[in-house]
Amino acid sequence: MKKMLKKQDNKCWYFVDGKKVFGVPSHLRGDVSRLRGDVSGLCGDVSGLRGDASDLRGDVSGLSGDASGLRGEASGLCGDVSGLCGDVNECEITNEERKKGIDIKDLIE
């Protein structure tokens, strides 16, 4: 006899004052070094995030804020980054490229 498939609901949730709240929090903080995957659906201020973002990919157009705490290879990220600011010295650009300047189009595959 065949078993029926069960529908699974995947939901994002977090806790505020000990209460479970469904949805995406607008106030993420902490270390993103162990995060992996597509960040295309994320939006909001990244000022409180820090760590290695090398394993993240996707469209970052919805993100804003100070990205100084993030480091790593950004070749998997795309989108409008005009809302982001901060120190980009940890990007994987050589010192020669920094001195002469580099076209942003050369960084996109």
PDB file of N, CA and C in Angstrom:
ATOM      1  N   MET A   1       0.835  -1.168   0.000  1.00  0.00           N
ATOM      2  CA  MET A   1       0.000   0.000   0.000  1.00  0.00           C
ATOM      3  C   MET A   1       0.892   1.249   0.000  1.00  0.00           C
ATOM      4  N   LYS A   2       0.547   2.208  -0.836  1.00  0.00           N
ATOM      5  CA  LYS A   2       1.318   3.442  -0.932  1.00  0.00           C
ATOM      6  C   LYS A   2       0.911   4.404   0.173  1.00  0.00           C
ATOM      7  N   LYS A   3       1.908   5.141   0.698  1.00  0.00           N
ATOM      8  CA  LYS A   3       1.626   6.146   1.725  1.00  0.00           C
ATOM      9  C   LYS A   3       1.385   7.491   1.066  1.00  0.00           C
ATOM     10  N   MET A   4       0.515   8.255   1.651  1.00  0.00           N
ATOM     11  CA  MET A   4       0.237   9.601   1.177  1.00  0.00           C
ATOM     12  C   MET A   4       1.399  10.518   1.568  1.00  0.00           C
ATOM     13  N   LEU A   5       1.712  11.469   0.719  1.00  0.00           N
ATOM     14  CA  LEU A   5       2.737  12.461   1.032  1.00  0.00           C
ATOM     15  C   LEU A   5       2.157  13.505   1.975  1.00  0.00           C
ATOM     16  N   LYS A   6       2.999  13.981   2.874  1.00  0.00           N
ATOM     17  CA  LYS A   6       2.575  15.033   3.794  1.00  0.00           C
ATOM     18  C   LYS A   6       3.119  16.366   3.318  1.00  0.00           C
ATOM     19  N   LYS A   7       2.284  17.371   3.340  1.00  0.00           N
ATOM     20  CA  LYS A   7       2.715  18.714   2.975  1.00  0.00           C
ATOM     21  C   LYS A   7       3.505  19.302   4.135  1.00  0.00           C
ATOM     22  N   GLN A   8       4.659  19.884   3.804  1.00  0.00           N
ATOM     23  CA  GLN A   8       5.466  20.520   4.831  1.00  0.00           C
ATOM     24  C   GLN A   8       5.469  22.024   4.599  1.00  0.00           C
ATOM     25  N   ASP A   9       5.268  22.765   5.661  1.00  0.00           N
ATOM     26  CA  ASP A   9       5.332  24.220   5.587  1.00  0.00           C
ATOM     27  C   ASP A   9       6.658  24.680   6.157  1.00  0.00           C
ATOM     28  N   ASN A  10       7.456  25.323   5.333  1.00  0.00           N
ATOM     29  CA  ASN A  10       8.707  25.898   5.800  1.00  0.00           C
ATOM     30  C   ASN A  10       8.457  27.355   6.136  1.00  0.00           C
ATOM     31  N   LYS A  11       8.703  27.718   7.377  1.00  0.00           N
ATOM     32  CA  LYS A  11       8.462  29.083   7.821  1.00  0.00           C
ATOM     33  C   LYS A  11       9.694  29.619   8.521  1.00  0.00           C
ATOM     34  N   CYS A  12       9.903  30.915   8.376  1.00  0.00           N
ATOM     35  CA  CYS A  12      10.974  31.599   9.079  1.00  0.00           C
ATOM     36  C   CYS A  12      10.375  32.199  10.352  1.00  0.00           C
ATOM     37  N   TRP A  13      11.064  32.008  11.472  1.00  0.00           N
ATOM     38  CA  TRP A  13      10.588  32.563  12.728  1.00  0.00           C
ATOM     39  C   TRP A  13      11.754  32.922  13.631  1.00  0.00           C
ATOM     40  N   TYR A  14      11.488  33.731  14.619  1.00  0.00           N
ATOM     41  CA  TYR A  14      12.497  34.157  15.585  1.00  0.00           C
ATOM     42  C   TYR A  14      11.787  34.480  16.900  1.00  0.00           C
ATOM     43  N   PHE A  15      12.552  34.734  17.951  1.00  0.00           N
ATOM     44  CA  PHE A  15      11.980  35.011  19.262  1.00  0.00           C
ATOM     45  C   PHE A  15      12.197  36.464  19.655  1.00  0.00           C
ATOM     46  N   VAL A  16      11.168  37.070  20.232  1.00  0.00           N
ATOM     47  CA  VAL A  16      11.244  38.405  20.817  1.00  0.00           C
ATOM     48  C   VAL A  16      10.636  38.318  22.207  1.00  0.00           C
ATOM     49  N   ASP A  17      11.429  38.629  23.214  1.00  0.00           N
ATOM     50  CA  ASP A  17      10.959  38.566  24.606  1.00  0.00           C
ATOM     51  C   ASP A  17      10.343  37.214  24.939  1.00  0.00           C
ATOM     52  N   GLY A  18      10.949  36.143  24.429  1.00  0.00           N
ATOM     53  CA  GLY A  18      10.482  34.798  24.723  1.00  0.00           C
ATOM     54  C   GLY A  18       9.292  34.331  23.918  1.00  0.00           C
ATOM     55  N   LYS A  19       8.791  35.159  22.998  1.00  0.00           N
ATOM     56  CA  LYS A  19       7.629  34.787  22.186  1.00  0.00           C
ATOM     57  C   LYS A  19       8.065  34.531  20.747  1.00  0.00           C
ATOM     58  N   LYS A  20       7.531  33.469  20.170  1.00  0.00           N
ATOM     59  CA  LYS A  20       7.853  33.106  18.789  1.00  0.00           C
ATOM     60  C   LYS A  20       7.107  34.040  17.839  1.00  0.00           C
ATOM     61  N   VAL A  21       7.869  34.656  16.918  1.00  0.00           N
ATOM     62  CA  VAL A  21       7.291  35.566  15.932  1.00  0.00           C
ATOM     63  C   VAL A  21       7.608  35.005  14.545  1.00  0.00           C
ATOM     64  N   PHE A  22       6.585  34.831  13.718  1.00  0.00           N
ATOM     65  CA  PHE A  22       6.778  34.319  12.373  1.00  0.00           C
ATOM     66  C   PHE A  22       7.108  35.466  11.422  1.00  0.00           C
ATOM     67  N   GLY A  23       8.010  35.191  10.496  1.00  0.00           N
ATOM     68  CA  GLY A  23       8.437  36.201   9.531  1.00  0.00           C
ATOM     69  C   GLY A  23       9.937  36.378   9.583  1.00  0.00           C
ATOM     70  N   VAL A  24      10.428  37.335   8.801  1.00  0.00           N
ATOM     71  CA  VAL A  24      11.853  37.619   8.737  1.00  0.00           C
ATOM     72  C   VAL A  24      12.149  38.807   9.644  1.00  0.00           C
ATOM     73  N   PRO A  25      13.088  38.662  10.575  1.00  0.00           N
ATOM     74  CA  PRO A  25      13.400  39.779  11.470  1.00  0.00           C
ATOM     75  C   PRO A  25      14.085  40.912  10.712  1.00  0.00           C
ATOM     76  N   SER A  26      13.749  42.140  11.066  1.00  0.00           N
ATOM     77  CA  SER A  26      14.354  43.289  10.393  1.00  0.00           C
ATOM     78  C   SER A  26      15.588  43.785  11.128  1.00  0.00           C
ATOM     79  N   HIS A  27      16.002  43.104  12.155  1.00  0.00           N
ATOM     80  CA  HIS A  27      17.095  43.575  13.004  1.00  0.00           C
ATOM     81  C   HIS A  27      18.118  42.467  13.273  1.00  0.00           C
ATOM     82  N   LEU A  28      18.608  41.833  12.223  1.00  0.00           N
ATOM     83  CA  LEU A  28      19.590  40.757  12.383  1.00  0.00           C
ATOM     84  C   LEU A  28      20.912  41.319  12.885  1.00  0.00           C
ATOM     85  N   ARG A  29      21.564  40.595  13.761  1.00  0.00           N
ATOM     86  CA  ARG A  29      22.868  40.967  14.294  1.00  0.00           C
ATOM     87  C   ARG A  29      23.696  39.694  14.429  1.00  0.00           C
ATOM     88  N   GLY A  30      25.012  39.795  14.351  1.00  0.00           N
ATOM     89  CA  GLY A  30      25.847  38.647  14.660  1.00  0.00           C
ATOM     90  C   GLY A  30      26.774  38.225  13.543  1.00  0.00           C
ATOM     91  N   ASP A  31      27.361  37.052  13.725  1.00  0.00           N
ATOM     92  CA  ASP A  31      28.384  36.510  12.850  1.00  0.00           C
ATOM     93  C   ASP A  31      27.750  35.668  11.742  1.00  0.00           C
ATOM     94  N   VAL A  32      28.045  36.011  10.482  1.00  0.00           N
ATOM     95  CA  VAL A  32      27.481  35.288   9.336  1.00  0.00           C
ATOM     96  C   VAL A  32      28.445  34.254   8.767  1.00  0.00           C
ATOM     97  N   SER A  33      29.561  34.006   9.466  1.00  0.00           N
ATOM     98  CA  SER A  33      30.601  33.117   8.925  1.00  0.00           C
ATOM     99  C   SER A  33      30.094  31.715   8.613  1.00  0.00           C
ATOM    100  N   ARG A  34      29.105  31.235   9.322  1.00  0.00           N
ATOM    101  CA  ARG A  34      28.618  29.872   9.078  1.00  0.00           C
ATOM    102  C   ARG A  34      27.384  29.832   8.194  1.00  0.00           C
ATOM    103  N   LEU A  35      26.914  30.983   7.718  1.00  0.00           N
ATOM    104  CA  LEU A  35      25.770  31.009   6.815  1.00  0.00           C
ATOM    105  C   LEU A  35      26.177  30.563   5.423  1.00  0.00           C
ATOM    106  N   ARG A  36      25.310  29.840   4.750  1.00  0.00           N
ATOM    107  CA  ARG A  36      25.545  29.359   3.397  1.00  0.00           C
ATOM    108  C   ARG A  36      24.277  29.588   2.588  1.00  0.00           C
ATOM    109  N   GLY A  37      24.420  29.795   1.296  1.00  0.00           N
ATOM    110  CA  GLY A  37      23.252  29.784   0.437  1.00  0.00           C
ATOM    111  C   GLY A  37      22.899  31.110  -0.195  1.00  0.00           C
ATOM    112  N   ASP A  38      21.675  31.149  -0.742  1.00  0.00           N
ATOM    113  CA  ASP A  38      21.175  32.263  -1.536  1.00  0.00           C
ATOM    114  C   ASP A  38      20.564  33.330  -0.635  1.00  0.00           C
ATOM    115  N   VAL A  39      21.040  34.566  -0.765  1.00  0.00           N
ATOM    116  CA  VAL A  39      20.535  35.671   0.049  1.00  0.00           C
ATOM    117  C   VAL A  39      19.614  36.593  -0.748  1.00  0.00           C
ATOM    118  N   SER A  40      19.121  36.112  -1.884  1.00  0.00           N
ATOM    119  CA  SER A  40      18.320  36.961  -2.770  1.00  0.00           C
ATOM    120  C   SER A  40      17.091  37.559  -2.102  1.00  0.00           C
ATOM    121  N   GLY A  41      16.489  36.884  -1.157  1.00  0.00           N
ATOM    122  CA  GLY A  41      15.271  37.400  -0.534  1.00  0.00           C
ATOM    123  C   GLY A  41      15.501  38.317   0.654  1.00  0.00           C
ATOM    124  N   LEU A  42      16.758  38.510   1.049  1.00  0.00           N
ATOM    125  CA  LEU A  42      17.030  39.330   2.225  1.00  0.00           C
ATOM    126  C   LEU A  42      16.899  40.805   1.913  1.00  0.00           C
ATOM    127  N   CYS A  43      16.428  41.557   2.891  1.00  0.00           N
ATOM    128  CA  CYS A  43      16.375  43.005   2.768  1.00  0.00           C
ATOM    129  C   CYS A  43      16.608  43.602   4.144  1.00  0.00           C
ATOM    130  N   GLY A  44      17.042  44.842   4.174  1.00  0.00           N
ATOM    131  CA  GLY A  44      17.244  45.521   5.444  1.00  0.00           C
ATOM    132  C   GLY A  44      18.671  45.953   5.682  1.00  0.00           C
ATOM    133  N   ASP A  45      18.921  46.411   6.901  1.00  0.00           N
ATOM    134  CA  ASP A  45      20.202  46.984   7.303  1.00  0.00           C
ATOM    135  C   ASP A  45      21.156  45.889   7.765  1.00  0.00           C
ATOM    136  N   VAL A  46      22.355  45.830   7.173  1.00  0.00           N
ATOM    137  CA  VAL A  46      23.352  44.808   7.517  1.00  0.00           C
ATOM    138  C   VAL A  46      24.418  45.345   8.480  1.00  0.00           C
ATOM    139  N   SER A  47      24.188  46.516   9.054  1.00  0.00           N
ATOM    140  CA  SER A  47      25.204  47.145   9.908  1.00  0.00           C
ATOM    141  C   SER A  47      25.626  46.276  11.084  1.00  0.00           C
ATOM    142  N   GLY A  48      24.753  45.435  11.592  1.00  0.00           N
ATOM    143  CA  GLY A  48      25.091  44.605  12.743  1.00  0.00           C
ATOM    144  C   GLY A  48      25.697  43.268  12.401  1.00  0.00           C
ATOM    145  N   LEU A  49      25.924  42.993  11.112  1.00  0.00           N
ATOM    146  CA  LEU A  49      26.466  41.692  10.710  1.00  0.00           C
ATOM    147  C   LEU A  49      27.974  41.752  10.581  1.00  0.00           C
ATOM    148  N   ARG A  50      28.630  40.621  10.856  1.00  0.00           N
ATOM    149  CA  ARG A  50      30.077  40.522  10.719  1.00  0.00           C
ATOM    150  C   ARG A  50      30.421  39.095  10.316  1.00  0.00           C
ATOM    151  N   GLY A  51      31.629  38.889   9.807  1.00  0.00           N
ATOM    152  CA  GLY A  51      32.096  37.549   9.488  1.00  0.00           C
ATOM    153  C   GLY A  51      32.369  37.350   8.012  1.00  0.00           C
ATOM    154  N   ASP A  52      32.671  36.100   7.646  1.00  0.00           N
ATOM    155  CA  ASP A  52      33.037  35.719   6.295  1.00  0.00           C
ATOM    156  C   ASP A  52      31.786  35.445   5.477  1.00  0.00           C
ATOM    157  N   ALA A  53      31.578  36.216   4.420  1.00  0.00           N
ATOM    158  CA  ALA A  53      30.395  36.075   3.576  1.00  0.00           C
ATOM    159  C   ALA A  53      30.701  35.333   2.275  1.00  0.00           C
ATOM    160  N   SER A  54      31.819  34.607   2.228  1.00  0.00           N
ATOM    161  CA  SER A  54      32.248  33.949   0.986  1.00  0.00           C
ATOM    162  C   SER A  54      31.249  32.922   0.465  1.00  0.00           C
ATOM    163  N   ASP A  55      30.506  32.262   1.334  1.00  0.00           N
ATOM    164  CA  ASP A  55      29.582  31.217   0.896  1.00  0.00           C
ATOM    165  C   ASP A  55      28.177  31.732   0.626  1.00  0.00           C
ATOM    166  N   LEU A  56      27.997  33.039   0.619  1.00  0.00           N
ATOM    167  CA  LEU A  56      26.695  33.620   0.309  1.00  0.00           C
ATOM    168  C   LEU A  56      26.649  33.981  -1.165  1.00  0.00           C
ATOM    169  N   ARG A  57      25.452  33.860  -1.756  1.00  0.00           N
ATOM    170  CA  ARG A  57      25.273  34.206  -3.161  1.00  0.00           C
ATOM    171  C   ARG A  57      23.882  34.795  -3.330  1.00  0.00           C
ATOM    172  N   GLY A  58      23.687  35.501  -4.423  1.00  0.00           N
ATOM    173  CA  GLY A  58      22.359  36.021  -4.722  1.00  0.00           C
ATOM    174  C   GLY A  58      22.337  37.529  -4.869  1.00  0.00           C
ATOM    175  N   ASP A  59      21.124  38.062  -5.005  1.00  0.00           N
ATOM    176  CA  ASP A  59      20.889  39.475  -5.243  1.00  0.00           C
ATOM    177  C   ASP A  59      20.827  40.221  -3.910  1.00  0.00           C
ATOM    178  N   VAL A  60      21.723  41.179  -3.716  1.00  0.00           N
ATOM    179  CA  VAL A  60      21.784  41.933  -2.456  1.00  0.00           C
ATOM    180  C   VAL A  60      21.163  43.327  -2.586  1.00  0.00           C
ATOM    181  N   SER A  61      20.330  43.530  -3.606  1.00  0.00           N
ATOM    182  CA  SER A  61      19.736  44.846  -3.839  1.00  0.00           C
ATOM    183  C   SER A  61      18.919  45.355  -2.656  1.00  0.00           C
ATOM    184  N   GLY A  62      18.347  44.467  -1.875  1.00  0.00           N
ATOM    185  CA  GLY A  62      17.512  44.887  -0.748  1.00  0.00           C
ATOM    186  C   GLY A  62      18.279  45.214   0.517  1.00  0.00           C
ATOM    187  N   LEU A  63      19.603  45.084   0.490  1.00  0.00           N
ATOM    188  CA  LEU A  63      20.404  45.314   1.686  1.00  0.00           C
ATOM    189  C   LEU A  63      20.934  46.738   1.722  1.00  0.00           C
ATOM    190  N   SER A  64      21.081  47.267   2.931  1.00  0.00           N
ATOM    191  CA  SER A  64      21.645  48.598   3.118  1.00  0.00           C
ATOM    192  C   SER A  64      22.447  48.607   4.404  1.00  0.00           C
ATOM    193  N   GLY A  65      23.212  49.666   4.615  1.00  0.00           N
ATOM    194  CA  GLY A  65      23.936  49.827   5.865  1.00  0.00           C
ATOM    195  C   GLY A  65      25.433  49.644   5.719  1.00  0.00           C
ATOM    196  N   ASP A  66      26.117  49.611   6.860  1.00  0.00           N
ATOM    197  CA  ASP A  66      27.569  49.516   6.914  1.00  0.00           C
ATOM    198  C   ASP A  66      27.992  48.054   6.831  1.00  0.00           C
ATOM    199  N   ALA A  67      28.678  47.698   5.750  1.00  0.00           N
ATOM    200  CA  ALA A  67      29.100  46.314   5.525  1.00  0.00           C
ATOM    201  C   ALA A  67      30.549  46.081   5.946  1.00  0.00           C
ATOM    202  N   SER A  68      31.104  46.973   6.758  1.00  0.00           N
ATOM    203  CA  SER A  68      32.512  46.859   7.165  1.00  0.00           C
ATOM    204  C   SER A  68      32.814  45.557   7.892  1.00  0.00           C
ATOM    205  N   GLY A  69      31.852  44.998   8.593  1.00  0.00           N
ATOM    206  CA  GLY A  69      32.089  43.779   9.352  1.00  0.00           C
ATOM    207  C   GLY A  69      32.117  42.522   8.520  1.00  0.00           C
ATOM    208  N   LEU A  70      31.749  42.625   7.250  1.00  0.00           N
ATOM    209  CA  LEU A  70      31.717  41.459   6.369  1.00  0.00           C
ATOM    210  C   LEU A  70      33.019  41.367   5.587  1.00  0.00           C
ATOM    211  N   ARG A  71      33.470  40.135   5.325  1.00  0.00           N
ATOM    212  CA  ARG A  71      34.692  39.930   4.562  1.00  0.00           C
ATOM    213  C   ARG A  71      34.523  38.685   3.692  1.00  0.00           C
ATOM    214  N   GLY A  72      35.431  38.497   2.745  1.00  0.00           N
ATOM    215  CA  GLY A  72      35.414  37.303   1.908  1.00  0.00           C
ATOM    216  C   GLY A  72      35.151  37.611   0.452  1.00  0.00           C
ATOM    217  N   GLU A  73      35.119  36.543  -0.354  1.00  0.00           N
ATOM    218  CA  GLU A  73      34.898  36.680  -1.789  1.00  0.00           C
ATOM    219  C   GLU A  73      33.439  36.999  -2.055  1.00  0.00           C
ATOM    220  N   ALA A  74      33.200  38.014  -2.883  1.00  0.00           N
ATOM    221  CA  ALA A  74      31.837  38.449  -3.153  1.00  0.00           C
ATOM    222  C   ALA A  74      31.385  38.132  -4.574  1.00  0.00           C
ATOM    223  N   SER A  75      32.064  37.219  -5.260  1.00  0.00           N
ATOM    224  CA  SER A  75      31.735  36.960  -6.658  1.00  0.00           C
ATOM    225  C   SER A  75      30.357  36.320  -6.829  1.00  0.00           C
ATOM    226  N   GLY A  76      29.812  35.721  -5.786  1.00  0.00           N
ATOM    227  CA  GLY A  76      28.480  35.125  -5.886  1.00  0.00           C
ATOM    228  C   GLY A  76      27.354  36.101  -5.624  1.00  0.00           C
ATOM    229  N   LEU A  77      27.694  37.339  -5.265  1.00  0.00           N
ATOM    230  CA  LEU A  77      26.680  38.343  -4.959  1.00  0.00           C
ATOM    231  C   LEU A  77      26.484  39.269  -6.147  1.00  0.00           C
ATOM    232  N   CYS A  78      25.264  39.754  -6.325  1.00  0.00           N
ATOM    233  CA  CYS A  78      24.979  40.679  -7.411  1.00  0.00           C
ATOM    234  C   CYS A  78      23.904  41.653  -6.954  1.00  0.00           C
ATOM    235  N   GLY A  79      23.649  42.662  -7.765  1.00  0.00           N
ATOM    236  CA  GLY A  79      22.583  43.602  -7.461  1.00  0.00           C
ATOM    237  C   GLY A  79      23.092  44.991  -7.167  1.00  0.00           C
ATOM    238  N   ASP A  80      22.159  45.875  -6.827  1.00  0.00           N
ATOM    239  CA  ASP A  80      22.453  47.270  -6.531  1.00  0.00           C
ATOM    240  C   ASP A  80      23.044  47.367  -5.131  1.00  0.00           C
ATOM    241  N   VAL A  81      24.299  47.786  -5.035  1.00  0.00           N
ATOM    242  CA  VAL A  81      24.957  47.894  -3.733  1.00  0.00           C
ATOM    243  C   VAL A  81      25.107  49.347  -3.295  1.00  0.00           C
ATOM    244  N   SER A  82      24.370  50.252  -3.923  1.00  0.00           N
ATOM    245  CA  SER A  82      24.502  51.669  -3.583  1.00  0.00           C
ATOM    246  C   SER A  82      24.039  51.962  -2.163  1.00  0.00           C
ATOM    247  N   GLY A  83      23.255  51.086  -1.575  1.00  0.00           N
ATOM    248  CA  GLY A  83      22.813  51.283  -0.196  1.00  0.00           C
ATOM    249  C   GLY A  83      23.804  50.778   0.836  1.00  0.00           C
ATOM    250  N   LEU A  84      24.887  50.143   0.387  1.00  0.00           N
ATOM    251  CA  LEU A  84      25.892  49.611   1.302  1.00  0.00           C
ATOM    252  C   LEU A  84      27.075  50.559   1.392  1.00  0.00           C
ATOM    253  N   CYS A  85      27.690  50.603   2.557  1.00  0.00           N
ATOM    254  CA  CYS A  85      28.899  51.402   2.738  1.00  0.00           C
ATOM    255  C   CYS A  85      29.843  50.639   3.644  1.00  0.00           C
ATOM    256  N   GLY A  86      31.062  51.129   3.797  1.00  0.00           N
ATOM    257  CA  GLY A  86      31.996  50.503   4.715  1.00  0.00           C
ATOM    258  C   GLY A  86      33.342  50.219   4.094  1.00  0.00           C
ATOM    259  N   ASP A  87      34.195  49.591   4.871  1.00  0.00           N
ATOM    260  CA  ASP A  87      35.566  49.273   4.491  1.00  0.00           C
ATOM    261  C   ASP A  87      35.579  48.060   3.565  1.00  0.00           C
ATOM    262  N   VAL A  88      36.163  48.206   2.389  1.00  0.00           N
ATOM    263  CA  VAL A  88      36.227  47.090   1.436  1.00  0.00           C
ATOM    264  C   VAL A  88      37.649  46.563   1.283  1.00  0.00           C
ATOM    265  N   ASN A  89      38.516  46.855   2.219  1.00  0.00           N
ATOM    266  CA  ASN A  89      39.900  46.399   2.127  1.00  0.00           C
ATOM    267  C   ASN A  89      40.032  44.890   2.164  1.00  0.00           C
ATOM    268  N   GLU A  90      39.062  44.181   2.692  1.00  0.00           N
ATOM    269  CA  GLU A  90      39.139  42.727   2.771  1.00  0.00           C
ATOM    270  C   GLU A  90      38.693  42.047   1.478  1.00  0.00           C
ATOM    271  N   CYS A  91      38.265  42.822   0.474  1.00  0.00           N
ATOM    272  CA  CYS A  91      37.852  42.231  -0.805  1.00  0.00           C
ATOM    273  C   CYS A  91      39.071  41.614  -1.488  1.00  0.00           C
ATOM    274  N   GLU A  92      38.809  40.637  -2.348  1.00  0.00           N
ATOM    275  CA  GLU A  92      39.910  39.954  -3.016  1.00  0.00           C
ATOM    276  C   GLU A  92      40.322  40.690  -4.286  1.00  0.00           C
ATOM    277  N   ILE A  93      40.920  41.870  -4.093  1.00  0.00           N
ATOM    278  CA  ILE A  93      41.470  42.671  -5.177  1.00  0.00           C
ATOM    279  C   ILE A  93      42.944  42.865  -4.844  1.00  0.00           C
ATOM    280  N   THR A  94      43.809  42.707  -5.840  1.00  0.00           N
ATOM    281  CA  THR A  94      45.241  42.845  -5.579  1.00  0.00           C
ATOM    282  C   THR A  94      45.604  44.298  -5.310  1.00  0.00           C
ATOM    283  N   ASN A  95      46.779  44.515  -4.698  1.00  0.00           N
ATOM    284  CA  ASN A  95      47.243  45.870  -4.412  1.00  0.00           C
ATOM    285  C   ASN A  95      47.446  46.672  -5.698  1.00  0.00           C
ATOM    286  N   GLU A  96      47.919  46.021  -6.772  1.00  0.00           N
ATOM    287  CA  GLU A  96      48.086  46.712  -8.052  1.00  0.00           C
ATOM    288  C   GLU A  96      46.744  47.193  -8.583  1.00  0.00           C
ATOM    289  N   GLU A  97      45.715  46.346  -8.478  1.00  0.00           N
ATOM    290  CA  GLU A  97      44.381  46.728  -8.942  1.00  0.00           C
ATOM    291  C   GLU A  97      43.824  47.874  -8.108  1.00  0.00           C
ATOM    292  N   ARG A  98      44.090  47.861  -6.808  1.00  0.00           N
ATOM    293  CA  ARG A  98      43.626  48.950  -5.946  1.00  0.00           C
ATOM    294  C   ARG A  98      44.280  50.276  -6.344  1.00  0.00           C
ATOM    295  N   LYS A  99      45.589  50.224  -6.643  1.00  0.00           N
ATOM    296  CA  LYS A  99      46.323  51.446  -6.984  1.00  0.00           C
ATOM    297  C   LYS A  99      45.839  52.052  -8.295  1.00  0.00           C
ATOM    298  N   LYS A 100      45.671  51.208  -9.328  1.00  0.00           N
ATOM    299  CA  LYS A 100      45.286  51.743 -10.640  1.00  0.00           C
ATOM    300  C   LYS A 100      43.770  51.884 -10.790  1.00  0.00           C
ATOM    301  N   GLY A 101      43.014  51.217  -9.922  1.00  0.00           N
ATOM    302  CA  GLY A 101      41.563  51.228 -10.047  1.00  0.00           C
ATOM    303  C   GLY A 101      41.111  50.059 -10.891  1.00  0.00           C
ATOM    304  N   ILE A 102      39.911  49.606 -10.676  1.00  0.00           N
ATOM    305  CA  ILE A 102      39.403  48.470 -11.433  1.00  0.00           C
ATOM    306  C   ILE A 102      37.935  48.703 -11.757  1.00  0.00           C
ATOM    307  N   ASP A 103      37.551  48.388 -12.968  1.00  0.00           N
ATOM    308  CA  ASP A 103      36.170  48.531 -13.395  1.00  0.00           C
ATOM    309  C   ASP A 103      35.336  47.457 -12.689  1.00  0.00           C
ATOM    310  N   ILE A 104      34.242  47.860 -12.102  1.00  0.00           N
ATOM    311  CA  ILE A 104      33.375  46.924 -11.366  1.00  0.00           C
ATOM    312  C   ILE A 104      32.885  45.796 -12.277  1.00  0.00           C
ATOM    313  N   LYS A 105      32.749  46.061 -13.568  1.00  0.00           N
ATOM    314  CA  LYS A 105      32.303  45.036 -14.513  1.00  0.00           C
ATOM    315  C   LYS A 105      33.291  43.875 -14.603  1.00  0.00           C
ATOM    316  N   ASP A 106      34.586  44.160 -14.323  1.00  0.00           N
ATOM    317  CA  ASP A 106      35.597  43.092 -14.355  1.00  0.00           C
ATOM    318  C   ASP A 106      35.453  42.136 -13.193  1.00  0.00           C
ATOM    319  N   LEU A 107      34.727  42.535 -12.150  1.00  0.00           N
ATOM    320  CA  LEU A 107      34.545  41.691 -10.982  1.00  0.00           C
ATOM    321  C   LEU A 107      33.330  40.779 -11.096  1.00  0.00           C
ATOM    322  N   ILE A 108      32.498  41.024 -12.094  1.00  0.00           N
ATOM    323  CA  ILE A 108      31.259  40.253 -12.265  1.00  0.00           C
ATOM    324  C   ILE A 108      31.470  39.211 -13.344  1.00  0.00           C
ATOM    325  N   GLU A 109      31.107  37.969 -13.032  1.00  0.00           N
ATOM    326  CA  GLU A 109      31.261  36.887 -14.015  1.00  0.00           C
ATOM    327  C   GLU A 109      30.110  36.884 -14.991  1.00  0.00           C
TER     328      GLU A 109
END
